[in-house]
């Protein structure tokens, strides 16, 4: 099962909150992602913390995350997450 989402935020804290709430939506629609929720959310939020500043005037934080889990029966054999976080000009 795979997922992807994007979010746009005005502050680092808002970006971190949106990562958590978007992942809750992933779990609600694909329950198997409860298995990687804590790791994926922590990873996304950690990358927000890598940013050394808050967005300035006319800027925003853009977050893009996608990931997947691979199962063989009840055996989870692969998990992946990709995170992109950037401060961009609004618009």
C-alpha atoms as a PDB file:
ATOM      1  CA  UNK A   1       0.000   0.000   0.000  1.00  0.00           C
ATOM      2  CA  UNK A   2       1.255   3.472  -0.830  1.00  0.00           C
ATOM      3  CA  UNK A   3       0.290   7.023   0.049  1.00  0.00           C
ATOM      4  CA  UNK A   4       1.206  10.568  -0.876  1.00  0.00           C
ATOM      5  CA  UNK A   5       0.200  14.001   0.306  1.00  0.00           C
ATOM      6  CA  UNK A   6       1.258  17.621   0.165  1.00  0.00           C
ATOM      7  CA  UNK A   7       0.704  20.427   2.623  1.00  0.00           C
ATOM      8  CA  UNK A   8       1.378  24.138   2.731  1.00  0.00           C
ATOM      9  CA  UNK A   9       1.972  25.987   5.991  1.00  0.00           C
ATOM     10  CA  UNK A  10       2.793  29.460   7.268  1.00  0.00           C
ATOM     11  CA  UNK A  11       4.994  28.265  10.156  1.00  0.00           C
ATOM     12  CA  UNK A  12       7.161  25.299  11.018  1.00  0.00           C
ATOM     13  CA  UNK A  13       4.759  24.228  13.779  1.00  0.00           C
ATOM     14  CA  UNK A  14       1.815  24.358  11.385  1.00  0.00           C
ATOM     15  CA  UNK A  15       3.764  22.217   8.908  1.00  0.00           C
ATOM     16  CA  UNK A  16       4.477  19.638  11.621  1.00  0.00           C
ATOM     17  CA  UNK A  17       0.817  19.613  12.670  1.00  0.00           C
ATOM     18  CA  UNK A  18      -0.287  19.157   9.045  1.00  0.00           C
ATOM     19  CA  UNK A  19       2.076  16.201   8.619  1.00  0.00           C
ATOM     20  CA  UNK A  20       0.459  14.508  11.629  1.00  0.00           C
ATOM     21  CA  UNK A  21      -3.115  15.234  10.516  1.00  0.00           C
ATOM     22  CA  UNK A  22      -2.486  14.216   6.912  1.00  0.00           C
ATOM     23  CA  UNK A  23      -0.997  10.939   8.086  1.00  0.00           C
ATOM     24  CA  UNK A  24      -4.063  10.328  10.245  1.00  0.00           C
ATOM     25  CA  UNK A  25      -6.093  10.626   7.017  1.00  0.00           C
ATOM     26  CA  UNK A  26      -3.776   8.054   5.410  1.00  0.00           C
ATOM     27  CA  UNK A  27      -4.348   5.629   8.294  1.00  0.00           C
ATOM     28  CA  UNK A  28      -8.109   6.237   8.187  1.00  0.00           C
ATOM     29  CA  UNK A  29      -8.238   5.215   4.523  1.00  0.00           C
ATOM     30  CA  UNK A  30      -5.442   2.604   4.600  1.00  0.00           C
ATOM     31  CA  UNK A  31      -5.346   1.025   8.035  1.00  0.00           C
ATOM     32  CA  UNK A  32      -2.137  -0.892   7.316  1.00  0.00           C
ATOM     33  CA  UNK A  33      -0.248   2.401   7.578  1.00  0.00           C
ATOM     34  CA  UNK A  34      -0.789   2.390  11.322  1.00  0.00           C
ATOM     35  CA  UNK A  35       2.374   0.258  11.209  1.00  0.00           C
ATOM     36  CA  UNK A  36       4.559   3.112   9.908  1.00  0.00           C
ATOM     37  CA  UNK A  37       2.640   6.119  11.242  1.00  0.00           C
ATOM     38  CA  UNK A  38       4.979   7.029  14.101  1.00  0.00           C
ATOM     39  CA  UNK A  39       8.147   6.577  12.033  1.00  0.00           C
ATOM     40  CA  UNK A  40       6.843   8.482   9.003  1.00  0.00           C
ATOM     41  CA  UNK A  41       5.405  11.376  11.027  1.00  0.00           C
ATOM     42  CA  UNK A  42       8.614  11.659  13.069  1.00  0.00           C
ATOM     43  CA  UNK A  43      10.667  11.674   9.873  1.00  0.00           C
ATOM     44  CA  UNK A  44       8.550  14.371   8.242  1.00  0.00           C
ATOM     45  CA  UNK A  45       8.557  16.534  11.353  1.00  0.00           C
ATOM     46  CA  UNK A  46      12.320  16.114  11.744  1.00  0.00           C
ATOM     47  CA  UNK A  47      12.856  17.445   8.232  1.00  0.00           C
ATOM     48  CA  UNK A  48      10.752  20.504   9.063  1.00  0.00           C
ATOM     49  CA  UNK A  49      13.110  21.066  11.999  1.00  0.00           C
ATOM     50  CA  UNK A  50      16.063  21.031   9.577  1.00  0.00           C
ATOM     51  CA  UNK A  51      14.839  24.349   8.170  1.00  0.00           C
ATOM     52  CA  UNK A  52      16.879  27.038   9.887  1.00  0.00           C
ATOM     53  CA  UNK A  53      14.262  29.791   9.677  1.00  0.00           C
ATOM     54  CA  UNK A  54      10.554  30.439   9.555  1.00  0.00           C
ATOM     55  CA  UNK A  55       9.120  31.568   6.218  1.00  0.00           C
ATOM     56  CA  UNK A  56       9.463  35.280   5.557  1.00  0.00           C
ATOM     57  CA  UNK A  57       6.935  37.654   4.061  1.00  0.00           C
ATOM     58  CA  UNK A  58       5.375  36.170   0.927  1.00  0.00           C
ATOM     59  CA  UNK A  59       6.844  32.718   1.700  1.00  0.00           C
ATOM     60  CA  UNK A  60       5.394  29.414   2.914  1.00  0.00           C
ATOM     61  CA  UNK A  61       6.556  25.929   3.800  1.00  0.00           C
ATOM     62  CA  UNK A  62       5.699  23.260   1.248  1.00  0.00           C
ATOM     63  CA  UNK A  63       5.759  19.619   2.403  1.00  0.00           C
ATOM     64  CA  UNK A  64       5.513  16.619   0.108  1.00  0.00           C
ATOM     65  CA  UNK A  65       5.543  13.087   1.509  1.00  0.00           C
ATOM     66  CA  UNK A  66       5.029   9.685   0.002  1.00  0.00           C
ATOM     67  CA  UNK A  67       5.719   6.191   1.168  1.00  0.00           C
ATOM     68  CA  UNK A  68       4.747   2.574   0.970  1.00  0.00           C
ATOM     69  CA  UNK A  69       4.614  -0.721   2.808  1.00  0.00           C
ATOM     70  CA  UNK A  70       5.087  -4.122   1.259  1.00  0.00           C
ATOM     71  CA  UNK A  71       3.465  -7.197   2.712  1.00  0.00           C
ATOM     72  CA  UNK A  72       3.778 -10.931   2.099  1.00  0.00           C
ATOM     73  CA  UNK A  73       0.724 -12.293   3.836  1.00  0.00           C
ATOM     74  CA  UNK A  74       1.088 -10.966   7.368  1.00  0.00           C
ATOM     75  CA  UNK A  75       4.831 -10.362   6.978  1.00  0.00           C
ATOM     76  CA  UNK A  76       5.886  -6.731   6.480  1.00  0.00           C
ATOM     77  CA  UNK A  77       9.022  -6.903   4.342  1.00  0.00           C
ATOM     78  CA  UNK A  78       9.565  -3.354   3.064  1.00  0.00           C
ATOM     79  CA  UNK A  79       8.785   0.144   4.309  1.00  0.00           C
ATOM     80  CA  UNK A  80       9.738   3.431   2.695  1.00  0.00           C
ATOM     81  CA  UNK A  81       9.120   7.140   3.109  1.00  0.00           C
ATOM     82  CA  UNK A  82      10.232  10.155   1.092  1.00  0.00           C
ATOM     83  CA  UNK A  83      10.077  13.666   2.523  1.00  0.00           C
ATOM     84  CA  UNK A  84      10.597  16.975   0.775  1.00  0.00           C
ATOM     85  CA  UNK A  85      10.352  20.201   2.780  1.00  0.00           C
ATOM     86  CA  UNK A  86      11.057  23.618   1.314  1.00  0.00           C
ATOM     87  CA  UNK A  87      10.417  27.286   1.953  1.00  0.00           C
ATOM     88  CA  UNK A  88       8.948  28.679  -1.246  1.00  0.00           C
ATOM     89  CA  UNK A  89       7.562  31.954  -2.491  1.00  0.00           C
ATOM     90  CA  UNK A  90       3.769  32.012  -2.133  1.00  0.00           C
ATOM     91  CA  UNK A  91       1.741  31.608  -5.240  1.00  0.00           C
END
